[in-house]
Amino acid sequence: GSLSERHLMDVRLGELPAWLASCDFSPQGLLGGAQKAWSNYYNKYINVRKGGPAGISMLLAGYCLLSYSWNYQHISK
């Protein structure tokens, strides 16, 4: 894509001044950038998909280990 559409981590060091010049530093542009950053953060760390077989299997494995540790003295005799 064009330089202005790239993320900061995709910009090479030599392209950094041109990328900064293409950014929108108006109050509306800064507000839009902050909203986009918050949306990306929220979707990555807060609004994650819950449930599924992996979560249930980890819960069952944890319960088995906890149950075994509670009954270890009784089982070992």
N, C-alpha and C. Protein backbone atom coordinates (compact mmCIF):
# COMPACT_ATOMS: atom_id res chain seq x y z
N GLY A 1 0.81 -1.18 0.00
CA GLY A 1 0.00 0.00 0.00
C GLY A 1 0.86 1.25 0.00
N SER A 2 0.20 2.38 0.06
CA SER A 2 0.92 3.64 0.08
C SER A 2 1.56 3.85 1.45
N LEU A 3 2.46 4.77 1.51
CA LEU A 3 3.22 5.02 2.74
C LEU A 3 2.31 5.48 3.87
N SER A 4 1.30 6.26 3.58
CA SER A 4 0.42 6.78 4.63
C SER A 4 -0.48 5.70 5.21
N GLU A 5 -0.68 4.60 4.50
CA GLU A 5 -1.55 3.52 4.98
C GLU A 5 -0.80 2.49 5.81
N ARG A 6 0.50 2.56 5.85
CA ARG A 6 1.30 1.57 6.60
C ARG A 6 1.27 1.85 8.10
N HIS A 7 1.45 0.79 8.86
CA HIS A 7 1.60 0.92 10.31
C HIS A 7 3.03 1.38 10.61
N LEU A 8 3.22 1.91 11.80
CA LEU A 8 4.55 2.41 12.19
C LEU A 8 5.59 1.30 12.13
N MET A 9 5.24 0.10 12.55
CA MET A 9 6.20 -0.99 12.58
C MET A 9 6.56 -1.49 11.17
N ASP A 10 5.77 -1.13 10.17
CA ASP A 10 6.05 -1.54 8.79
C ASP A 10 6.86 -0.51 8.02
N VAL A 11 7.13 0.65 8.63
CA VAL A 11 7.86 1.72 7.96
C VAL A 11 9.35 1.53 8.21
N ARG A 12 10.15 1.64 7.14
CA ARG A 12 11.61 1.54 7.29
C ARG A 12 12.15 2.86 7.84
N LEU A 13 13.32 2.80 8.40
CA LEU A 13 13.91 3.97 9.05
C LEU A 13 14.09 5.13 8.07
N GLY A 14 14.49 4.85 6.85
CA GLY A 14 14.67 5.90 5.86
C GLY A 14 13.36 6.54 5.41
N GLU A 15 12.25 5.79 5.55
CA GLU A 15 10.94 6.29 5.15
C GLU A 15 10.22 7.02 6.28
N LEU A 16 10.79 7.03 7.47
CA LEU A 16 10.12 7.59 8.64
C LEU A 16 9.77 9.08 8.49
N PRO A 17 10.68 9.95 8.01
CA PRO A 17 10.28 11.36 7.85
C PRO A 17 9.11 11.56 6.88
N ALA A 18 9.12 10.83 5.78
CA ALA A 18 8.02 10.94 4.82
C ALA A 18 6.73 10.39 5.41
N TRP A 19 6.81 9.33 6.21
CA TRP A 19 5.62 8.76 6.84
C TRP A 19 5.04 9.74 7.87
N LEU A 20 5.93 10.38 8.65
CA LEU A 20 5.46 11.37 9.63
C LEU A 20 4.83 12.57 8.93
N ALA A 21 5.37 12.97 7.80
CA ALA A 21 4.81 14.10 7.06
C ALA A 21 3.43 13.77 6.48
N SER A 22 3.17 12.49 6.22
CA SER A 22 1.88 12.11 5.66
C SER A 22 0.81 11.90 6.73
N CYS A 23 1.20 11.93 8.03
CA CYS A 23 0.23 11.74 9.11
C CYS A 23 -0.62 12.99 9.30
N ASP A 24 -1.84 12.80 9.78
CA ASP A 24 -2.77 13.89 10.04
C ASP A 24 -2.64 14.30 11.51
N PHE A 25 -2.06 15.46 11.76
CA PHE A 25 -1.85 15.93 13.13
C PHE A 25 -2.88 16.96 13.56
N SER A 26 -4.00 17.04 12.86
CA SER A 26 -5.08 17.91 13.28
C SER A 26 -5.77 17.28 14.49
N PRO A 27 -6.53 18.06 15.26
CA PRO A 27 -7.23 17.46 16.41
C PRO A 27 -8.14 16.31 16.02
N GLN A 28 -8.81 16.45 14.88
CA GLN A 28 -9.69 15.36 14.42
C GLN A 28 -8.88 14.13 14.02
N GLY A 29 -7.74 14.33 13.38
CA GLY A 29 -6.89 13.21 12.99
C GLY A 29 -6.28 12.51 14.19
N LEU A 30 -5.88 13.29 15.21
CA LEU A 30 -5.33 12.68 16.42
C LEU A 30 -6.40 11.92 17.19
N LEU A 31 -7.62 12.47 17.23
CA LEU A 31 -8.71 11.77 17.89
C LEU A 31 -9.04 10.47 17.17
N GLY A 32 -9.05 10.50 15.84
CA GLY A 32 -9.30 9.28 15.07
C GLY A 32 -8.22 8.24 15.28
N GLY A 33 -6.96 8.68 15.38
CA GLY A 33 -5.87 7.74 15.65
C GLY A 33 -5.98 7.13 17.03
N ALA A 34 -6.37 7.95 18.03
CA ALA A 34 -6.53 7.42 19.39
C ALA A 34 -7.69 6.43 19.44
N GLN A 35 -8.78 6.72 18.74
CA GLN A 35 -9.90 5.78 18.71
C GLN A 35 -9.52 4.47 18.03
N LYS A 36 -8.74 4.55 16.97
CA LYS A 36 -8.31 3.33 16.27
C LYS A 36 -7.37 2.52 17.16
N ALA A 37 -6.46 3.20 17.86
CA ALA A 37 -5.54 2.49 18.76
C ALA A 37 -6.31 1.82 19.89
N TRP A 38 -7.30 2.51 20.47
CA TRP A 38 -8.09 1.92 21.55
C TRP A 38 -8.89 0.73 21.04
N SER A 39 -9.45 0.86 19.85
CA SER A 39 -10.22 -0.24 19.28
C SER A 39 -9.35 -1.47 19.04
N ASN A 40 -8.14 -1.26 18.53
CA ASN A 40 -7.22 -2.39 18.32
C ASN A 40 -6.83 -3.03 19.63
N TYR A 41 -6.54 -2.21 20.65
CA TYR A 41 -6.17 -2.73 21.98
C TYR A 41 -7.34 -3.51 22.58
N TYR A 42 -8.52 -2.94 22.50
CA TYR A 42 -9.70 -3.57 23.08
C TYR A 42 -9.98 -4.92 22.43
N ASN A 43 -9.92 -4.97 21.10
CA ASN A 43 -10.19 -6.22 20.40
C ASN A 43 -9.12 -7.27 20.65
N LYS A 44 -7.89 -6.85 20.88
CA LYS A 44 -6.81 -7.82 21.07
C LYS A 44 -6.76 -8.36 22.50
N TYR A 45 -6.97 -7.50 23.50
CA TYR A 45 -6.75 -7.93 24.88
C TYR A 45 -8.01 -8.04 25.73
N ILE A 46 -9.08 -7.37 25.40
CA ILE A 46 -10.26 -7.36 26.25
C ILE A 46 -11.41 -8.14 25.63
N ASN A 47 -11.68 -7.92 24.37
CA ASN A 47 -12.82 -8.52 23.70
C ASN A 47 -12.40 -9.82 23.01
N VAL A 48 -11.79 -10.72 23.74
CA VAL A 48 -11.32 -11.97 23.15
C VAL A 48 -12.47 -12.97 23.12
N ARG A 49 -12.35 -13.94 22.27
CA ARG A 49 -13.37 -14.97 22.15
C ARG A 49 -13.29 -15.88 23.37
N LYS A 50 -14.39 -16.04 24.03
CA LYS A 50 -14.42 -16.85 25.25
C LYS A 50 -14.88 -18.27 24.92
N GLY A 51 -14.50 -19.21 25.79
CA GLY A 51 -14.99 -20.57 25.65
C GLY A 51 -14.20 -21.38 24.65
N GLY A 52 -14.81 -22.47 24.24
CA GLY A 52 -14.17 -23.35 23.28
C GLY A 52 -13.60 -24.57 23.97
N PRO A 53 -13.18 -25.56 23.20
CA PRO A 53 -12.67 -26.80 23.79
C PRO A 53 -11.36 -26.63 24.55
N ALA A 54 -10.51 -25.69 24.15
CA ALA A 54 -9.23 -25.53 24.84
C ALA A 54 -9.44 -25.02 26.26
N GLY A 55 -10.33 -24.07 26.44
CA GLY A 55 -10.59 -23.55 27.78
C GLY A 55 -11.21 -24.59 28.70
N ILE A 56 -12.14 -25.38 28.17
CA ILE A 56 -12.79 -26.42 28.97
C ILE A 56 -11.80 -27.50 29.35
N SER A 57 -10.93 -27.90 28.43
CA SER A 57 -9.95 -28.95 28.74
C SER A 57 -8.93 -28.46 29.76
N MET A 58 -8.54 -27.18 29.69
CA MET A 58 -7.63 -26.65 30.71
C MET A 58 -8.30 -26.60 32.07
N LEU A 59 -9.58 -26.27 32.11
CA LEU A 59 -10.32 -26.27 33.37
C LEU A 59 -10.39 -27.67 33.97
N LEU A 60 -10.68 -28.67 33.15
CA LEU A 60 -10.74 -30.05 33.64
C LEU A 60 -9.37 -30.55 34.10
N ALA A 61 -8.31 -30.22 33.37
CA ALA A 61 -6.97 -30.63 33.77
C ALA A 61 -6.58 -29.97 35.10
N GLY A 62 -6.92 -28.71 35.27
CA GLY A 62 -6.64 -28.02 36.53
C GLY A 62 -7.41 -28.65 37.68
N TYR A 63 -8.66 -29.01 37.45
CA TYR A 63 -9.45 -29.66 38.49
C TYR A 63 -8.84 -31.02 38.86
N CYS A 64 -8.39 -31.78 37.88
CA CYS A 64 -7.78 -33.09 38.16
C CYS A 64 -6.50 -32.93 38.99
N LEU A 65 -5.66 -31.97 38.62
CA LEU A 65 -4.44 -31.75 39.39
C LEU A 65 -4.74 -31.28 40.81
N LEU A 66 -5.69 -30.39 40.96
CA LEU A 66 -6.06 -29.90 42.28
C LEU A 66 -6.65 -31.02 43.14
N SER A 67 -7.50 -31.82 42.56
CA SER A 67 -8.10 -32.94 43.28
C SER A 67 -7.03 -33.95 43.70
N TYR A 68 -6.09 -34.22 42.80
CA TYR A 68 -5.01 -35.15 43.12
C TYR A 68 -4.15 -34.60 44.27
N SER A 69 -3.85 -33.31 44.24
CA SER A 69 -3.01 -32.74 45.30
C SER A 69 -3.74 -32.74 46.64
N TRP A 70 -5.06 -32.56 46.65
CA TRP A 70 -5.82 -32.61 47.90
C TRP A 70 -5.85 -34.02 48.48
N ASN A 71 -5.87 -35.04 47.63
CA ASN A 71 -5.99 -36.42 48.08
C ASN A 71 -4.67 -37.17 48.03
N TYR A 72 -3.53 -36.50 47.91
CA TYR A 72 -2.25 -37.16 47.73
C TYR A 72 -1.91 -38.05 48.91
N GLN A 73 -2.08 -37.56 50.12
CA GLN A 73 -1.73 -38.37 51.30
C GLN A 73 -2.59 -39.62 51.37
N HIS A 74 -3.85 -39.51 51.06
CA HIS A 74 -4.75 -40.67 51.08
C HIS A 74 -4.40 -41.66 49.98
N ILE A 75 -4.02 -41.19 48.81
CA ILE A 75 -3.71 -42.05 47.68
C ILE A 75 -2.36 -42.75 47.89
N SER A 76 -1.39 -42.05 48.49
CA SER A 76 -0.04 -42.60 48.60
C SER A 76 0.07 -43.72 49.64
N LYS A 77 -0.91 -43.88 50.53
CA LYS A 77 -0.83 -44.94 51.55
C LYS A 77 -1.29 -46.27 51.04
